[in-house]
Amino acid sequence: MKRLLLMLLFIPSLAFAAGPYDGIWQTSQGDFQSIHESEDATMIMMEFDPSDLNIIALIGSRSGSVADLSLALGSGYIRINLVFDTLTTGRVLILECTNIFGNPCFNPTLLPIQASTMNKVF
């Protein structure tokens, strides 16, 4: 619970519109992502899965059109790349993963794998 409170206090300091990809995105699986970037290219992503009500927080940095993010809040470990194909479309690539919220991830021999596509909502 302390980690959640610290993240909620930390996120607003990073969450201002500084990057070209800031906004709300929806994946092809129906999840919603809130993506925000600071001026120093630190990117945070909060992902909400409406089917199980889990929220995952990831943090990392962007170089060009690729962001490398890892789990900042939640149970388990995941490292992903967000590949922005345009200002309004992109892909989620899972690079590394262990159990997330007690759910097993993909077979490690299958990684990296494209988990979904994403479209900017606003």
N, C-alpha and C. Protein backbone atom coordinates (compact mmCIF):
# COMPACT_ATOMS: atom_id res chain seq x y z
N MET A 1 0.82 -1.18 0.00
CA MET A 1 0.00 0.00 0.00
C MET A 1 0.87 1.26 0.00
N LYS A 2 2.01 1.20 0.72
CA LYS A 2 2.92 2.36 0.73
C LYS A 2 3.43 2.65 -0.67
N ARG A 3 3.74 1.57 -1.44
CA ARG A 3 4.24 1.78 -2.81
C ARG A 3 3.19 2.47 -3.66
N LEU A 4 1.93 2.08 -3.48
CA LEU A 4 0.85 2.69 -4.25
C LEU A 4 0.76 4.17 -3.92
N LEU A 5 0.79 4.51 -2.65
CA LEU A 5 0.70 5.91 -2.26
C LEU A 5 1.88 6.72 -2.78
N LEU A 6 3.09 6.14 -2.71
CA LEU A 6 4.27 6.84 -3.23
C LEU A 6 4.15 7.06 -4.73
N MET A 7 3.67 6.05 -5.47
CA MET A 7 3.51 6.22 -6.92
C MET A 7 2.47 7.28 -7.23
N LEU A 8 1.37 7.29 -6.48
CA LEU A 8 0.34 8.29 -6.73
C LEU A 8 0.86 9.70 -6.45
N LEU A 9 1.77 9.83 -5.50
CA LEU A 9 2.37 11.13 -5.24
C LEU A 9 3.42 11.50 -6.29
N PHE A 10 4.13 10.47 -6.80
CA PHE A 10 5.21 10.68 -7.76
C PHE A 10 4.70 10.95 -9.17
N ILE A 11 3.64 10.26 -9.57
CA ILE A 11 3.15 10.32 -10.95
C ILE A 11 2.75 11.74 -11.37
N PRO A 12 2.01 12.50 -10.55
CA PRO A 12 1.65 13.84 -11.03
C PRO A 12 2.84 14.72 -11.35
N SER A 13 3.99 14.50 -10.71
CA SER A 13 5.16 15.32 -11.02
C SER A 13 5.70 15.01 -12.41
N LEU A 14 5.41 13.81 -12.93
CA LEU A 14 5.86 13.45 -14.27
C LEU A 14 4.77 13.64 -15.32
N ALA A 15 3.53 13.67 -14.89
CA ALA A 15 2.41 13.54 -15.80
C ALA A 15 1.91 14.89 -16.33
N PHE A 16 2.69 15.50 -17.17
CA PHE A 16 2.23 16.67 -17.87
C PHE A 16 2.54 16.48 -19.34
N ALA A 17 1.79 17.13 -20.17
CA ALA A 17 1.90 16.90 -21.61
C ALA A 17 3.21 17.46 -22.15
N ALA A 18 4.21 16.61 -22.25
CA ALA A 18 5.50 17.03 -22.77
C ALA A 18 5.89 16.22 -23.99
N GLY A 19 5.28 15.06 -24.16
CA GLY A 19 5.67 14.18 -25.25
C GLY A 19 4.61 14.05 -26.33
N PRO A 20 5.03 13.68 -27.52
CA PRO A 20 4.09 13.57 -28.64
C PRO A 20 3.11 12.41 -28.50
N TYR A 21 3.39 11.47 -27.60
CA TYR A 21 2.53 10.29 -27.46
C TYR A 21 1.68 10.34 -26.20
N ASP A 22 1.71 11.44 -25.47
CA ASP A 22 0.91 11.58 -24.25
C ASP A 22 -0.57 11.43 -24.58
N GLY A 23 -1.28 10.73 -23.70
CA GLY A 23 -2.72 10.61 -23.87
C GLY A 23 -3.24 9.26 -23.44
N ILE A 24 -4.47 9.00 -23.81
CA ILE A 24 -5.15 7.74 -23.50
C ILE A 24 -5.14 6.88 -24.77
N TRP A 25 -4.71 5.65 -24.60
CA TRP A 25 -4.61 4.69 -25.70
C TRP A 25 -5.45 3.47 -25.36
N GLN A 26 -5.93 2.75 -26.39
CA GLN A 26 -6.64 1.50 -26.18
C GLN A 26 -5.96 0.41 -27.00
N THR A 27 -5.74 -0.74 -26.35
CA THR A 27 -5.10 -1.86 -27.05
C THR A 27 -6.14 -2.68 -27.79
N SER A 28 -5.67 -3.54 -28.68
CA SER A 28 -6.56 -4.42 -29.43
C SER A 28 -7.24 -5.45 -28.52
N GLN A 29 -6.73 -5.60 -27.28
CA GLN A 29 -7.34 -6.50 -26.31
C GLN A 29 -8.36 -5.80 -25.42
N GLY A 30 -8.55 -4.51 -25.61
CA GLY A 30 -9.55 -3.76 -24.85
C GLY A 30 -9.03 -3.06 -23.61
N ASP A 31 -7.73 -3.20 -23.30
CA ASP A 31 -7.15 -2.51 -22.15
C ASP A 31 -6.96 -1.03 -22.49
N PHE A 32 -6.96 -0.20 -21.47
CA PHE A 32 -6.71 1.23 -21.65
C PHE A 32 -5.38 1.58 -21.03
N GLN A 33 -4.63 2.47 -21.69
CA GLN A 33 -3.33 2.91 -21.22
C GLN A 33 -3.31 4.43 -21.15
N SER A 34 -2.83 4.94 -20.04
CA SER A 34 -2.60 6.37 -19.89
C SER A 34 -1.09 6.56 -19.97
N ILE A 35 -0.64 7.23 -21.02
CA ILE A 35 0.79 7.39 -21.28
C ILE A 35 1.17 8.86 -21.12
N HIS A 36 2.24 9.09 -20.34
CA HIS A 36 2.71 10.45 -20.09
C HIS A 36 4.23 10.47 -20.10
N GLU A 37 4.78 11.57 -20.60
CA GLU A 37 6.23 11.69 -20.73
C GLU A 37 6.68 13.04 -20.20
N SER A 38 7.80 13.03 -19.47
CA SER A 38 8.37 14.29 -18.99
C SER A 38 9.33 14.84 -20.03
N GLU A 39 9.82 16.03 -19.79
CA GLU A 39 10.73 16.66 -20.74
C GLU A 39 12.05 15.92 -20.89
N ASP A 40 12.44 15.13 -19.88
CA ASP A 40 13.70 14.38 -19.96
C ASP A 40 13.50 12.98 -20.55
N ALA A 41 12.37 12.74 -21.21
CA ALA A 41 12.04 11.49 -21.90
C ALA A 41 11.71 10.34 -20.95
N THR A 42 11.47 10.64 -19.66
CA THR A 42 10.97 9.61 -18.76
C THR A 42 9.50 9.40 -19.09
N MET A 43 9.13 8.16 -19.32
CA MET A 43 7.76 7.85 -19.70
C MET A 43 7.14 6.94 -18.66
N ILE A 44 5.89 7.23 -18.31
CA ILE A 44 5.14 6.34 -17.43
C ILE A 44 3.89 5.88 -18.18
N MET A 45 3.46 4.68 -17.85
CA MET A 45 2.24 4.15 -18.44
C MET A 45 1.46 3.45 -17.35
N MET A 46 0.21 3.82 -17.20
CA MET A 46 -0.71 3.14 -16.32
C MET A 46 -1.66 2.36 -17.22
N GLU A 47 -1.73 1.05 -17.01
CA GLU A 47 -2.62 0.22 -17.84
C GLU A 47 -3.74 -0.32 -16.97
N PHE A 48 -4.97 -0.19 -17.47
CA PHE A 48 -6.16 -0.66 -16.77
C PHE A 48 -6.83 -1.73 -17.62
N ASP A 49 -7.03 -2.89 -17.03
CA ASP A 49 -7.71 -4.00 -17.69
C ASP A 49 -9.13 -4.07 -17.14
N PRO A 50 -10.15 -3.66 -17.92
CA PRO A 50 -11.51 -3.65 -17.40
C PRO A 50 -12.05 -5.04 -17.07
N SER A 51 -11.47 -6.10 -17.63
CA SER A 51 -12.00 -7.44 -17.38
C SER A 51 -11.67 -7.95 -15.98
N ASP A 52 -10.53 -7.53 -15.40
CA ASP A 52 -10.19 -8.00 -14.06
C ASP A 52 -9.89 -6.85 -13.09
N LEU A 53 -10.05 -5.62 -13.54
CA LEU A 53 -9.89 -4.41 -12.73
C LEU A 53 -8.48 -4.21 -12.19
N ASN A 54 -7.48 -4.85 -12.79
CA ASN A 54 -6.09 -4.65 -12.38
C ASN A 54 -5.51 -3.40 -13.03
N ILE A 55 -4.66 -2.72 -12.29
CA ILE A 55 -3.92 -1.58 -12.82
C ILE A 55 -2.44 -1.90 -12.70
N ILE A 56 -1.72 -1.70 -13.79
CA ILE A 56 -0.28 -1.94 -13.83
C ILE A 56 0.40 -0.62 -14.15
N ALA A 57 1.43 -0.27 -13.38
CA ALA A 57 2.20 0.95 -13.63
C ALA A 57 3.58 0.55 -14.14
N LEU A 58 3.98 1.16 -15.27
CA LEU A 58 5.30 0.91 -15.83
C LEU A 58 6.02 2.24 -16.00
N ILE A 59 7.34 2.19 -15.91
CA ILE A 59 8.14 3.41 -16.05
C ILE A 59 9.40 3.08 -16.84
N GLY A 60 9.88 4.03 -17.59
CA GLY A 60 11.09 3.85 -18.37
C GLY A 60 11.40 5.09 -19.17
N SER A 61 12.00 4.91 -20.32
CA SER A 61 12.37 6.06 -21.15
C SER A 61 12.09 5.76 -22.61
N ARG A 62 11.98 6.84 -23.37
CA ARG A 62 11.74 6.72 -24.81
C ARG A 62 12.94 7.24 -25.57
N SER A 63 13.29 6.53 -26.63
CA SER A 63 14.31 6.97 -27.56
C SER A 63 13.70 6.85 -28.95
N GLY A 64 13.53 7.98 -29.61
CA GLY A 64 12.87 7.97 -30.91
C GLY A 64 11.42 7.53 -30.76
N SER A 65 11.04 6.51 -31.48
CA SER A 65 9.64 6.04 -31.44
C SER A 65 9.47 4.77 -30.61
N VAL A 66 10.48 4.43 -29.79
CA VAL A 66 10.41 3.21 -28.98
C VAL A 66 10.62 3.56 -27.50
N ALA A 67 9.68 3.13 -26.67
CA ALA A 67 9.82 3.30 -25.22
C ALA A 67 10.11 1.95 -24.60
N ASP A 68 11.08 1.90 -23.70
CA ASP A 68 11.44 0.68 -22.97
C ASP A 68 10.95 0.86 -21.54
N LEU A 69 9.93 0.10 -21.14
CA LEU A 69 9.30 0.27 -19.84
C LEU A 69 9.34 -1.02 -19.05
N SER A 70 9.42 -0.88 -17.73
CA SER A 70 9.34 -2.06 -16.85
C SER A 70 8.41 -1.74 -15.68
N LEU A 71 8.00 -2.78 -15.01
CA LEU A 71 7.01 -2.67 -13.94
C LEU A 71 7.51 -1.77 -12.81
N ALA A 72 6.70 -0.76 -12.47
CA ALA A 72 7.03 0.14 -11.38
C ALA A 72 6.13 -0.13 -10.18
N LEU A 73 4.96 -0.66 -10.42
CA LEU A 73 3.99 -0.91 -9.36
C LEU A 73 3.19 -2.14 -9.74
N GLY A 74 3.08 -3.07 -8.84
CA GLY A 74 2.33 -4.29 -9.10
C GLY A 74 3.13 -5.49 -8.68
N SER A 75 2.57 -6.64 -8.89
CA SER A 75 3.18 -7.90 -8.47
C SER A 75 3.79 -8.59 -9.68
N GLY A 76 5.05 -9.04 -9.57
CA GLY A 76 5.72 -9.74 -10.67
C GLY A 76 6.71 -8.84 -11.38
N TYR A 77 7.04 -9.20 -12.61
CA TYR A 77 7.99 -8.42 -13.40
C TYR A 77 7.59 -8.51 -14.87
N ILE A 78 7.64 -7.38 -15.53
CA ILE A 78 7.42 -7.36 -16.98
C ILE A 78 8.25 -6.22 -17.55
N ARG A 79 8.82 -6.43 -18.70
CA ARG A 79 9.54 -5.40 -19.45
C ARG A 79 8.98 -5.41 -20.86
N ILE A 80 8.55 -4.25 -21.32
CA ILE A 80 7.94 -4.14 -22.64
C ILE A 80 8.59 -3.03 -23.45
N ASN A 81 8.37 -3.08 -24.74
CA ASN A 81 8.65 -1.96 -25.63
C ASN A 81 7.32 -1.48 -26.17
N LEU A 82 7.11 -0.18 -26.12
CA LEU A 82 6.01 0.44 -26.84
C LEU A 82 6.63 0.98 -28.12
N VAL A 83 6.18 0.48 -29.25
CA VAL A 83 6.69 0.93 -30.54
C VAL A 83 5.61 1.80 -31.16
N PHE A 84 5.89 3.09 -31.28
CA PHE A 84 4.93 4.03 -31.84
C PHE A 84 5.17 4.11 -33.34
N ASP A 85 4.24 3.55 -34.12
CA ASP A 85 4.37 3.56 -35.57
C ASP A 85 4.02 4.93 -36.15
N THR A 86 3.03 5.57 -35.54
CA THR A 86 2.64 6.94 -35.90
C THR A 86 2.31 7.65 -34.59
N LEU A 87 1.85 8.89 -34.66
CA LEU A 87 1.45 9.61 -33.45
C LEU A 87 0.19 9.03 -32.83
N THR A 88 -0.54 8.17 -33.57
CA THR A 88 -1.81 7.64 -33.06
C THR A 88 -1.91 6.12 -33.12
N THR A 89 -0.87 5.42 -33.55
CA THR A 89 -0.90 3.96 -33.59
C THR A 89 0.42 3.40 -33.07
N GLY A 90 0.36 2.19 -32.54
CA GLY A 90 1.57 1.57 -32.05
C GLY A 90 1.37 0.10 -31.73
N ARG A 91 2.42 -0.50 -31.15
CA ARG A 91 2.41 -1.92 -30.80
C ARG A 91 3.04 -2.10 -29.43
N VAL A 92 2.58 -3.14 -28.73
CA VAL A 92 3.15 -3.51 -27.44
C VAL A 92 3.92 -4.80 -27.63
N LEU A 93 5.22 -4.77 -27.37
CA LEU A 93 6.06 -5.96 -27.47
C LEU A 93 6.51 -6.36 -26.07
N ILE A 94 6.23 -7.60 -25.67
CA ILE A 94 6.68 -8.10 -24.37
C ILE A 94 8.07 -8.69 -24.56
N LEU A 95 9.05 -8.15 -23.82
CA LEU A 95 10.43 -8.59 -23.92
C LEU A 95 10.78 -9.61 -22.84
N GLU A 96 10.34 -9.35 -21.60
CA GLU A 96 10.60 -10.23 -20.47
C GLU A 96 9.35 -10.23 -19.59
N CYS A 97 9.09 -11.37 -18.95
CA CYS A 97 7.89 -11.43 -18.12
C CYS A 97 7.96 -12.59 -17.15
N THR A 98 7.51 -12.33 -15.91
CA THR A 98 7.25 -13.38 -14.93
C THR A 98 5.80 -13.22 -14.52
N ASN A 99 5.39 -13.88 -13.49
CA ASN A 99 3.99 -13.81 -13.06
C ASN A 99 3.58 -12.36 -12.78
N ILE A 100 2.43 -11.98 -13.31
CA ILE A 100 1.85 -10.68 -13.05
C ILE A 100 0.53 -10.92 -12.32
N PHE A 101 0.42 -10.39 -11.12
CA PHE A 101 -0.76 -10.60 -10.27
C PHE A 101 -1.08 -12.09 -10.12
N GLY A 102 -0.03 -12.92 -10.06
CA GLY A 102 -0.23 -14.35 -9.87
C GLY A 102 -0.57 -15.11 -11.14
N ASN A 103 -0.67 -14.41 -12.26
CA ASN A 103 -0.98 -15.07 -13.54
C ASN A 103 0.31 -15.33 -14.29
N PRO A 104 0.51 -16.55 -14.77
CA PRO A 104 1.75 -16.84 -15.51
C PRO A 104 1.80 -16.06 -16.83
N CYS A 105 2.99 -15.68 -17.22
CA CYS A 105 3.19 -14.99 -18.49
C CYS A 105 3.42 -16.01 -19.59
N PHE A 106 3.77 -15.50 -20.73
CA PHE A 106 4.04 -16.35 -21.88
C PHE A 106 5.23 -17.27 -21.62
N ASN A 107 5.30 -18.33 -22.36
CA ASN A 107 6.46 -19.21 -22.33
C ASN A 107 7.69 -18.38 -22.71
N PRO A 108 8.73 -18.36 -21.87
CA PRO A 108 9.91 -17.51 -22.15
C PRO A 108 10.56 -17.79 -23.50
N THR A 109 10.41 -18.98 -24.03
CA THR A 109 11.01 -19.27 -25.33
C THR A 109 10.28 -18.56 -26.46
N LEU A 110 9.07 -18.04 -26.19
CA LEU A 110 8.30 -17.33 -27.21
C LEU A 110 8.59 -15.83 -27.23
N LEU A 111 9.34 -15.35 -26.23
CA LEU A 111 9.59 -13.92 -26.13
C LEU A 111 10.79 -13.51 -26.98
N PRO A 112 10.82 -12.33 -27.57
CA PRO A 112 9.78 -11.31 -27.48
C PRO A 112 8.57 -11.67 -28.35
N ILE A 113 7.42 -11.14 -27.94
CA ILE A 113 6.18 -11.41 -28.65
C ILE A 113 5.36 -10.13 -28.72
N GLN A 114 4.66 -9.93 -29.83
CA GLN A 114 3.77 -8.77 -29.94
C GLN A 114 2.49 -9.13 -29.22
N ALA A 115 2.21 -8.39 -28.13
CA ALA A 115 1.03 -8.67 -27.32
C ALA A 115 -0.22 -8.04 -27.90
N SER A 116 -0.10 -6.86 -28.45
CA SER A 116 -1.28 -6.18 -29.00
C SER A 116 -0.85 -4.98 -29.83
N THR A 117 -1.81 -4.45 -30.53
CA THR A 117 -1.65 -3.16 -31.19
C THR A 117 -2.36 -2.14 -30.32
N MET A 118 -2.11 -0.86 -30.56
CA MET A 118 -2.78 0.16 -29.77
C MET A 118 -3.09 1.38 -30.63
N ASN A 119 -4.18 2.04 -30.27
CA ASN A 119 -4.63 3.24 -30.96
C ASN A 119 -4.90 4.34 -29.95
N LYS A 120 -4.50 5.55 -30.31
CA LYS A 120 -4.72 6.68 -29.41
C LYS A 120 -6.18 7.06 -29.43
N VAL A 121 -6.78 7.18 -28.24
CA VAL A 121 -8.17 7.59 -28.11
C VAL A 121 -8.27 9.11 -28.07
N PHE A 122 -7.44 9.73 -27.24
CA PHE A 122 -7.32 11.20 -27.19
C PHE A 122 -6.07 11.58 -26.45
